[in-house]
């Protein structure tokens, strides 16, 4: 992934995380988002799993987009350790 797209993916992950958790909290209060109304056709357990999937999917997208993979797995050669 190019470095100029990382903030967009982090924002997407944050929005998914926020919408997932807010939809769980709002559902407990009896409020539902209009754009998630198609989930009302599901059973309550599947609806909860969909909301949790949104939240954890957002966490996963944020983690993957904000991790610097080049510095994560640098393997030093044995010659440099002896010097």
PDB file of N, CA and C in Angstrom:
ATOM      1  N   UNK A   1       0.846  -1.166   0.000  1.00  0.00           N
ATOM      2  CA  UNK A   1       0.000   0.000   0.000  1.00  0.00           C
ATOM      3  C   UNK A   1       0.894   1.233   0.000  1.00  0.00           C
ATOM      4  N   UNK A   2       0.583   2.167  -0.829  1.00  0.00           N
ATOM      5  CA  UNK A   2       1.396   3.365  -0.873  1.00  0.00           C
ATOM      6  C   UNK A   2       1.128   4.219   0.363  1.00  0.00           C
ATOM      7  N   UNK A   3       2.100   5.022   0.722  1.00  0.00           N
ATOM      8  CA  UNK A   3       2.000   5.797   1.962  1.00  0.00           C
ATOM      9  C   UNK A   3       0.966   6.906   1.878  1.00  0.00           C
ATOM     10  N   UNK A   4       0.610   7.344   0.680  1.00  0.00           N
ATOM     11  CA  UNK A   4      -0.364   8.425   0.598  1.00  0.00           C
ATOM     12  C   UNK A   4      -1.798   7.930   0.781  1.00  0.00           C
ATOM     13  N   UNK A   5      -2.034   6.621   0.788  1.00  0.00           N
ATOM     14  CA  UNK A   5      -3.375   6.080   0.993  1.00  0.00           C
ATOM     15  C   UNK A   5      -3.604   5.620   2.429  1.00  0.00           C
ATOM     16  N   UNK A   6      -2.570   5.599   3.240  1.00  0.00           N
ATOM     17  CA  UNK A   6      -2.701   5.112   4.611  1.00  0.00           C
ATOM     18  C   UNK A   6      -3.706   5.911   5.439  1.00  0.00           C
ATOM     19  N   UNK A   7      -3.704   7.237   5.363  1.00  0.00           N
ATOM     20  CA  UNK A   7      -4.691   7.970   6.176  1.00  0.00           C
ATOM     21  C   UNK A   7      -6.132   7.696   5.765  1.00  0.00           C
ATOM     22  N   UNK A   8      -6.368   7.433   4.496  1.00  0.00           N
ATOM     23  CA  UNK A   8      -7.729   7.150   4.041  1.00  0.00           C
ATOM     24  C   UNK A   8      -8.213   5.809   4.572  1.00  0.00           C
ATOM     25  N   UNK A   9      -7.338   4.823   4.565  1.00  0.00           N
ATOM     26  CA  UNK A   9      -7.711   3.526   5.111  1.00  0.00           C
ATOM     27  C   UNK A   9      -7.880   3.593   6.630  1.00  0.00           C
ATOM     28  N   UNK A  10      -7.049   4.400   7.298  1.00  0.00           N
ATOM     29  CA  UNK A  10      -7.201   4.572   8.744  1.00  0.00           C
ATOM     30  C   UNK A  10      -8.531   5.252   9.058  1.00  0.00           C
ATOM     31  N   UNK A  11      -8.921   6.238   8.262  1.00  0.00           N
ATOM     32  CA  UNK A  11     -10.207   6.897   8.457  1.00  0.00           C
ATOM     33  C   UNK A  11     -11.361   5.935   8.206  1.00  0.00           C
ATOM     34  N   UNK A  12     -11.247   5.119   7.164  1.00  0.00           N
ATOM     35  CA  UNK A  12     -12.277   4.118   6.882  1.00  0.00           C
ATOM     36  C   UNK A  12     -12.406   3.140   8.050  1.00  0.00           C
ATOM     37  N   UNK A  13     -11.283   2.690   8.586  1.00  0.00           N
ATOM     38  CA  UNK A  13     -11.311   1.784   9.734  1.00  0.00           C
ATOM     39  C   UNK A  13     -11.931   2.434  10.955  1.00  0.00           C
ATOM     40  N   UNK A  14     -11.603   3.698  11.193  1.00  0.00           N
ATOM     41  CA  UNK A  14     -12.176   4.401  12.335  1.00  0.00           C
ATOM     42  C   UNK A  14     -13.686   4.566  12.178  1.00  0.00           C
ATOM     43  N   UNK A  15     -14.133   4.893  10.971  1.00  0.00           N
ATOM     44  CA  UNK A  15     -15.570   5.047  10.745  1.00  0.00           C
ATOM     45  C   UNK A  15     -16.308   3.726  10.931  1.00  0.00           C
ATOM     46  N   UNK A  16     -15.722   2.634  10.447  1.00  0.00           N
ATOM     47  CA  UNK A  16     -16.336   1.320  10.666  1.00  0.00           C
ATOM     48  C   UNK A  16     -16.400   0.975  12.151  1.00  0.00           C
ATOM     49  N   UNK A  17     -15.323   1.248  12.862  1.00  0.00           N
ATOM     50  CA  UNK A  17     -15.280   0.994  14.298  1.00  0.00           C
ATOM     51  C   UNK A  17     -16.342   1.814  15.019  1.00  0.00           C
ATOM     52  N   UNK A  18     -16.419   3.092  14.709  1.00  0.00           N
ATOM     53  CA  UNK A  18     -17.385   3.969  15.369  1.00  0.00           C
ATOM     54  C   UNK A  18     -18.819   3.556  15.042  1.00  0.00           C
ATOM     55  N   UNK A  19     -19.090   3.264  13.778  1.00  0.00           N
ATOM     56  CA  UNK A  19     -20.449   2.866  13.396  1.00  0.00           C
ATOM     57  C   UNK A  19     -20.835   1.529  14.030  1.00  0.00           C
ATOM     58  N   UNK A  20     -19.891   0.615  14.137  1.00  0.00           N
ATOM     59  CA  UNK A  20     -20.180  -0.672  14.757  1.00  0.00           C
ATOM     60  C   UNK A  20     -20.532  -0.535  16.225  1.00  0.00           C
ATOM     61  N   UNK A  21     -19.705   0.201  16.976  1.00  0.00           N
ATOM     62  CA  UNK A  21     -19.980   0.354  18.400  1.00  0.00           C
ATOM     63  C   UNK A  21     -21.196   1.235  18.658  1.00  0.00           C
ATOM     64  N   UNK A  22     -21.352   2.307  17.883  1.00  0.00           N
ATOM     65  CA  UNK A  22     -22.516   3.163  18.069  1.00  0.00           C
ATOM     66  C   UNK A  22     -23.809   2.438  17.726  1.00  0.00           C
ATOM     67  N   UNK A  23     -23.776   1.596  16.710  1.00  0.00           N
ATOM     68  CA  UNK A  23     -24.990   0.870  16.359  1.00  0.00           C
ATOM     69  C   UNK A  23     -25.377  -0.133  17.445  1.00  0.00           C
ATOM     70  N   UNK A  24     -24.383  -0.712  18.135  1.00  0.00           N
ATOM     71  CA  UNK A  24     -24.685  -1.610  19.254  1.00  0.00           C
ATOM     72  C   UNK A  24     -25.310  -0.823  20.402  1.00  0.00           C
ATOM     73  N   UNK A  25     -24.713   0.312  20.745  1.00  0.00           N
ATOM     74  CA  UNK A  25     -25.229   1.122  21.852  1.00  0.00           C
ATOM     75  C   UNK A  25     -26.601   1.683  21.517  1.00  0.00           C
ATOM     76  N   UNK A  26     -26.766   2.188  20.305  1.00  0.00           N
ATOM     77  CA  UNK A  26     -28.058   2.752  19.917  1.00  0.00           C
ATOM     78  C   UNK A  26     -29.143   1.689  19.863  1.00  0.00           C
ATOM     79  N   UNK A  27     -28.783   0.481  19.458  1.00  0.00           N
ATOM     80  CA  UNK A  27     -29.780  -0.583  19.403  1.00  0.00           C
ATOM     81  C   UNK A  27     -30.288  -0.919  20.800  1.00  0.00           C
ATOM     82  N   UNK A  28     -29.434  -0.833  21.795  1.00  0.00           N
ATOM     83  CA  UNK A  28     -29.876  -1.068  23.168  1.00  0.00           C
ATOM     84  C   UNK A  28     -30.866  -0.010  23.630  1.00  0.00           C
ATOM     85  N   UNK A  29     -30.769   1.203  23.065  1.00  0.00           N
ATOM     86  CA  UNK A  29     -31.686   2.286  23.414  1.00  0.00           C
ATOM     87  C   UNK A  29     -32.902   2.329  22.492  1.00  0.00           C
ATOM     88  N   UNK A  30     -32.932   1.484  21.477  1.00  0.00           N
ATOM     89  CA  UNK A  30     -34.068   1.460  20.571  1.00  0.00           C
ATOM     90  C   UNK A  30     -33.922   2.380  19.373  1.00  0.00           C
ATOM     91  N   UNK A  31     -32.736   2.907  19.161  1.00  0.00           N
ATOM     92  CA  UNK A  31     -32.475   3.800  18.030  1.00  0.00           C
ATOM     93  C   UNK A  31     -31.703   3.017  16.985  1.00  0.00           C
ATOM     94  N   UNK A  32     -32.021   3.236  15.710  1.00  0.00           N
ATOM     95  CA  UNK A  32     -31.311   2.526  14.642  1.00  0.00           C
ATOM     96  C   UNK A  32     -30.869   3.521  13.581  1.00  0.00           C
ATOM     97  N   UNK A  33     -29.703   3.279  13.009  1.00  0.00           N
ATOM     98  CA  UNK A  33     -29.241   4.079  11.884  1.00  0.00           C
ATOM     99  C   UNK A  33     -30.099   3.771  10.662  1.00  0.00           C
ATOM    100  N   UNK A  34     -30.401   4.788   9.879  1.00  0.00           N
ATOM    101  CA  UNK A  34     -31.253   4.605   8.707  1.00  0.00           C
ATOM    102  C   UNK A  34     -30.549   3.743   7.659  1.00  0.00           C
ATOM    103  N   UNK A  35     -29.255   3.958   7.464  1.00  0.00           N
ATOM    104  CA  UNK A  35     -28.535   3.233   6.416  1.00  0.00           C
ATOM    105  C   UNK A  35     -28.233   1.789   6.789  1.00  0.00           C
ATOM    106  N   UNK A  36     -28.502   1.401   8.033  1.00  0.00           N
ATOM    107  CA  UNK A  36     -28.349   0.004   8.456  1.00  0.00           C
ATOM    108  C   UNK A  36     -29.702  -0.673   8.651  1.00  0.00           C
ATOM    109  N   UNK A  37     -30.734  -0.102   8.093  1.00  0.00           N
ATOM    110  CA  UNK A  37     -32.081  -0.636   8.282  1.00  0.00           C
ATOM    111  C   UNK A  37     -32.250  -2.019   7.649  1.00  0.00           C
ATOM    112  N   UNK A  38     -31.445  -2.336   6.640  1.00  0.00           N
ATOM    113  CA  UNK A  38     -31.555  -3.651   6.013  1.00  0.00           C
ATOM    114  C   UNK A  38     -31.190  -4.777   6.979  1.00  0.00           C
ATOM    115  N   UNK A  39     -30.487  -4.468   8.065  1.00  0.00           N
ATOM    116  CA  UNK A  39     -30.136  -5.479   9.053  1.00  0.00           C
ATOM    117  C   UNK A  39     -31.313  -5.870   9.941  1.00  0.00           C
ATOM    118  N   UNK A  40     -32.413  -5.115   9.884  1.00  0.00           N
ATOM    119  CA  UNK A  40     -33.579  -5.432  10.714  1.00  0.00           C
ATOM    120  C   UNK A  40     -34.234  -6.737  10.296  1.00  0.00           C
ATOM    121  N   UNK A  41     -33.985  -7.195   9.065  1.00  0.00           N
ATOM    122  CA  UNK A  41     -34.559  -8.446   8.600  1.00  0.00           C
ATOM    123  C   UNK A  41     -33.860  -9.663   9.205  1.00  0.00           C
ATOM    124  N   UNK A  42     -32.707  -9.466   9.820  1.00  0.00           N
ATOM    125  CA  UNK A  42     -31.948 -10.566  10.406  1.00  0.00           C
ATOM    126  C   UNK A  42     -32.436 -10.857  11.824  1.00  0.00           C
ATOM    127  N   UNK A  43     -32.043 -12.003  12.324  1.00  0.00           N
ATOM    128  CA  UNK A  43     -32.340 -12.324  13.725  1.00  0.00           C
ATOM    129  C   UNK A  43     -31.476 -11.439  14.624  1.00  0.00           C
ATOM    130  N   UNK A  44     -31.871 -11.245  15.873  1.00  0.00           N
ATOM    131  CA  UNK A  44     -31.077 -10.376  16.763  1.00  0.00           C
ATOM    132  C   UNK A  44     -29.629 -10.834  16.928  1.00  0.00           C
ATOM    133  N   UNK A  45     -29.385 -12.149  16.951  1.00  0.00           N
ATOM    134  CA  UNK A  45     -28.018 -12.639  17.088  1.00  0.00           C
ATOM    135  C   UNK A  45     -27.183 -12.305  15.853  1.00  0.00           C
ATOM    136  N   UNK A  46     -27.745 -12.511  14.678  1.00  0.00           N
ATOM    137  CA  UNK A  46     -27.008 -12.178  13.454  1.00  0.00           C
ATOM    138  C   UNK A  46     -26.786 -10.677  13.330  1.00  0.00           C
ATOM    139  N   UNK A  47     -27.751  -9.897  13.793  1.00  0.00           N
ATOM    140  CA  UNK A  47     -27.603  -8.436  13.771  1.00  0.00           C
ATOM    141  C   UNK A  47     -26.455  -8.010  14.688  1.00  0.00           C
ATOM    142  N   UNK A  48     -26.382  -8.610  15.874  1.00  0.00           N
ATOM    143  CA  UNK A  48     -25.287  -8.305  16.796  1.00  0.00           C
ATOM    144  C   UNK A  48     -23.949  -8.719  16.197  1.00  0.00           C
ATOM    145  N   UNK A  49     -23.900  -9.878  15.572  1.00  0.00           N
ATOM    146  CA  UNK A  49     -22.656 -10.330  14.933  1.00  0.00           C
ATOM    147  C   UNK A  49     -22.246  -9.405  13.784  1.00  0.00           C
ATOM    148  N   UNK A  50     -23.211  -8.874  13.061  1.00  0.00           N
ATOM    149  CA  UNK A  50     -22.890  -7.937  11.980  1.00  0.00           C
ATOM    150  C   UNK A  50     -22.307  -6.646  12.544  1.00  0.00           C
ATOM    151  N   UNK A  51     -22.880  -6.153  13.639  1.00  0.00           N
ATOM    152  CA  UNK A  51     -22.354  -4.936  14.265  1.00  0.00           C
ATOM    153  C   UNK A  51     -20.964  -5.165  14.849  1.00  0.00           C
ATOM    154  N   UNK A  52     -20.774  -6.308  15.489  1.00  0.00           N
ATOM    155  CA  UNK A  52     -19.445  -6.628  16.023  1.00  0.00           C
ATOM    156  C   UNK A  52     -18.435  -6.836  14.899  1.00  0.00           C
ATOM    157  N   UNK A  53     -18.875  -7.416  13.796  1.00  0.00           N
ATOM    158  CA  UNK A  53     -17.993  -7.573  12.634  1.00  0.00           C
ATOM    159  C   UNK A  53     -17.555  -6.239  12.070  1.00  0.00           C
ATOM    160  N   UNK A  54     -18.469  -5.274  12.049  1.00  0.00           N
ATOM    161  CA  UNK A  54     -18.099  -3.931  11.604  1.00  0.00           C
ATOM    162  C   UNK A  54     -17.046  -3.323  12.529  1.00  0.00           C
ATOM    163  N   UNK A  55     -17.266  -3.462  13.831  1.00  0.00           N
ATOM    164  CA  UNK A  55     -16.343  -2.863  14.797  1.00  0.00           C
ATOM    165  C   UNK A  55     -14.960  -3.516  14.721  1.00  0.00           C
ATOM    166  N   UNK A  56     -14.904  -4.842  14.736  1.00  0.00           N
ATOM    167  CA  UNK A  56     -13.606  -5.512  14.694  1.00  0.00           C
ATOM    168  C   UNK A  56     -12.951  -5.402  13.322  1.00  0.00           C
ATOM    169  N   UNK A  57     -13.759  -5.332  12.279  1.00  0.00           N
ATOM    170  CA  UNK A  57     -13.202  -5.077  10.952  1.00  0.00           C
ATOM    171  C   UNK A  57     -12.555  -3.700  10.882  1.00  0.00           C
ATOM    172  N   UNK A  58     -13.171  -2.721  11.528  1.00  0.00           N
ATOM    173  CA  UNK A  58     -12.579  -1.384  11.590  1.00  0.00           C
ATOM    174  C   UNK A  58     -11.261  -1.366  12.339  1.00  0.00           C
ATOM    175  N   UNK A  59     -11.212  -2.123  13.445  1.00  0.00           N
ATOM    176  CA  UNK A  59      -9.954  -2.224  14.202  1.00  0.00           C
ATOM    177  C   UNK A  59      -8.869  -2.868  13.346  1.00  0.00           C
ATOM    178  N   UNK A  60      -9.239  -3.911  12.623  1.00  0.00           N
ATOM    179  CA  UNK A  60      -8.275  -4.621  11.781  1.00  0.00           C
ATOM    180  C   UNK A  60      -7.762  -3.724  10.651  1.00  0.00           C
ATOM    181  N   UNK A  61      -8.650  -2.990  10.008  1.00  0.00           N
ATOM    182  CA  UNK A  61      -8.232  -2.093   8.934  1.00  0.00           C
ATOM    183  C   UNK A  61      -7.327  -0.998   9.476  1.00  0.00           C
ATOM    184  N   UNK A  62      -7.660  -0.448  10.636  1.00  0.00           N
ATOM    185  CA  UNK A  62      -6.802   0.586  11.219  1.00  0.00           C
ATOM    186  C   UNK A  62      -5.424   0.023  11.563  1.00  0.00           C
ATOM    187  N   UNK A  63      -5.373  -1.168  12.140  1.00  0.00           N
ATOM    188  CA  UNK A  63      -4.094  -1.766  12.511  1.00  0.00           C
ATOM    189  C   UNK A  63      -3.235  -2.008  11.271  1.00  0.00           C
ATOM    190  N   UNK A  64      -3.843  -2.586  10.240  1.00  0.00           N
ATOM    191  CA  UNK A  64      -3.072  -2.897   9.039  1.00  0.00           C
ATOM    192  C   UNK A  64      -2.608  -1.642   8.314  1.00  0.00           C
ATOM    193  N   UNK A  65      -3.405  -0.591   8.345  1.00  0.00           N
ATOM    194  CA  UNK A  65      -3.010   0.615   7.623  1.00  0.00           C
ATOM    195  C   UNK A  65      -1.996   1.451   8.394  1.00  0.00           C
ATOM    196  N   UNK A  66      -1.985   1.365   9.705  1.00  0.00           N
ATOM    197  CA  UNK A  66      -1.079   2.201  10.496  1.00  0.00           C
ATOM    198  C   UNK A  66       0.204   1.498  10.908  1.00  0.00           C
ATOM    199  N   UNK A  67       0.367   0.221  10.578  1.00  0.00           N
ATOM    200  CA  UNK A  67       1.591  -0.503  10.906  1.00  0.00           C
ATOM    201  C   UNK A  67       2.641  -0.232   9.841  1.00  0.00           C
ATOM    202  N   UNK A  68       3.855   0.054  10.288  1.00  0.00           N
ATOM    203  CA  UNK A  68       4.966   0.261   9.364  1.00  0.00           C
ATOM    204  C   UNK A  68       5.644  -1.089   9.146  1.00  0.00           C
ATOM    205  N   UNK A  69       5.324  -1.738   8.042  1.00  0.00           N
ATOM    206  CA  UNK A  69       5.776  -3.089   7.793  1.00  0.00           C
ATOM    207  C   UNK A  69       7.251  -3.162   7.433  1.00  0.00           C
ATOM    208  N   UNK A  70       7.832  -2.094   6.943  1.00  0.00           N
ATOM    209  CA  UNK A  70       9.250  -2.124   6.558  1.00  0.00           C
ATOM    210  C   UNK A  70      10.155  -2.207   7.778  1.00  0.00           C
ATOM    211  N   UNK A  71       9.808  -1.517   8.858  1.00  0.00           N
ATOM    212  CA  UNK A  71      10.632  -1.541  10.061  1.00  0.00           C
ATOM    213  C   UNK A  71      10.281  -2.704  10.984  1.00  0.00           C
ATOM    214  N   UNK A  72       9.184  -3.380  10.721  1.00  0.00           N
ATOM    215  CA  UNK A  72       8.719  -4.436  11.617  1.00  0.00           C
ATOM    216  C   UNK A  72       9.599  -5.684  11.556  1.00  0.00           C
ATOM    217  N   UNK A  73       9.996  -6.085  10.373  1.00  0.00           N
ATOM    218  CA  UNK A  73      10.713  -7.350  10.208  1.00  0.00           C
ATOM    219  C   UNK A  73      12.062  -7.145   9.530  1.00  0.00           C
ATOM    220  N   UNK A  74      12.916  -6.370  10.150  1.00  0.00           N
ATOM    221  CA  UNK A  74      14.262  -6.161   9.631  1.00  0.00           C
ATOM    222  C   UNK A  74      15.162  -7.234  10.227  1.00  0.00           C
ATOM    223  N   UNK A  75      15.813  -7.983   9.361  1.00  0.00           N
ATOM    224  CA  UNK A  75      16.698  -9.050   9.811  1.00  0.00           C
ATOM    225  C   UNK A  75      18.136  -8.577   9.618  1.00  0.00           C
ATOM    226  N   UNK A  76      18.892  -8.540  10.719  1.00  0.00           N
ATOM    227  CA  UNK A  76      20.278  -8.132  10.654  1.00  0.00           C
ATOM    228  C   UNK A  76      21.132  -9.316  10.238  1.00  0.00           C
ATOM    229  N   UNK A  77      22.166  -9.018   9.450  1.00  0.00           N
ATOM    230  CA  UNK A  77      23.071 -10.082   9.058  1.00  0.00           C
ATOM    231  C   UNK A  77      24.000 -10.411  10.219  1.00  0.00           C
ATOM    232  N   UNK A  78      24.521 -11.633  10.321  1.00  0.00           N
ATOM    233  CA  UNK A  78      25.386 -12.013  11.434  1.00  0.00           C
ATOM    234  C   UNK A  78      26.698 -11.235  11.457  1.00  0.00           C
ATOM    235  N   UNK A  79      27.157 -10.750  10.293  1.00  0.00           N
ATOM    236  CA  UNK A  79      28.419 -10.019  10.247  1.00  0.00           C
ATOM    237  C   UNK A  79      28.314  -8.693  10.996  1.00  0.00           C
ATOM    238  N   UNK A  80      27.161  -8.060  10.965  1.00  0.00           N
ATOM    239  CA  UNK A  80      27.000  -6.777  11.621  1.00  0.00           C
ATOM    240  C   UNK A  80      26.943  -6.917  13.141  1.00  0.00           C
ATOM    241  N   UNK A  81      26.481  -8.050  13.656  1.00  0.00           N
ATOM    242  CA  UNK A  81      26.390  -8.248  15.098  1.00  0.00           C
ATOM    243  C   UNK A  81      27.761  -8.428  15.718  1.00  0.00           C
ATOM    244  N   UNK A  82      28.699  -9.028  15.003  1.00  0.00           N
ATOM    245  CA  UNK A  82      30.027  -9.264  15.560  1.00  0.00           C
ATOM    246  C   UNK A  82      30.875  -8.013  15.599  1.00  0.00           C
ATOM    247  N   UNK A  83      30.614  -7.068  14.715  1.00  0.00           N
ATOM    248  CA  UNK A  83      31.455  -5.867  14.633  1.00  0.00           C
ATOM    249  C   UNK A  83      31.217  -4.906  15.740  1.00  0.00           C
TER     250      UNK A  83
END
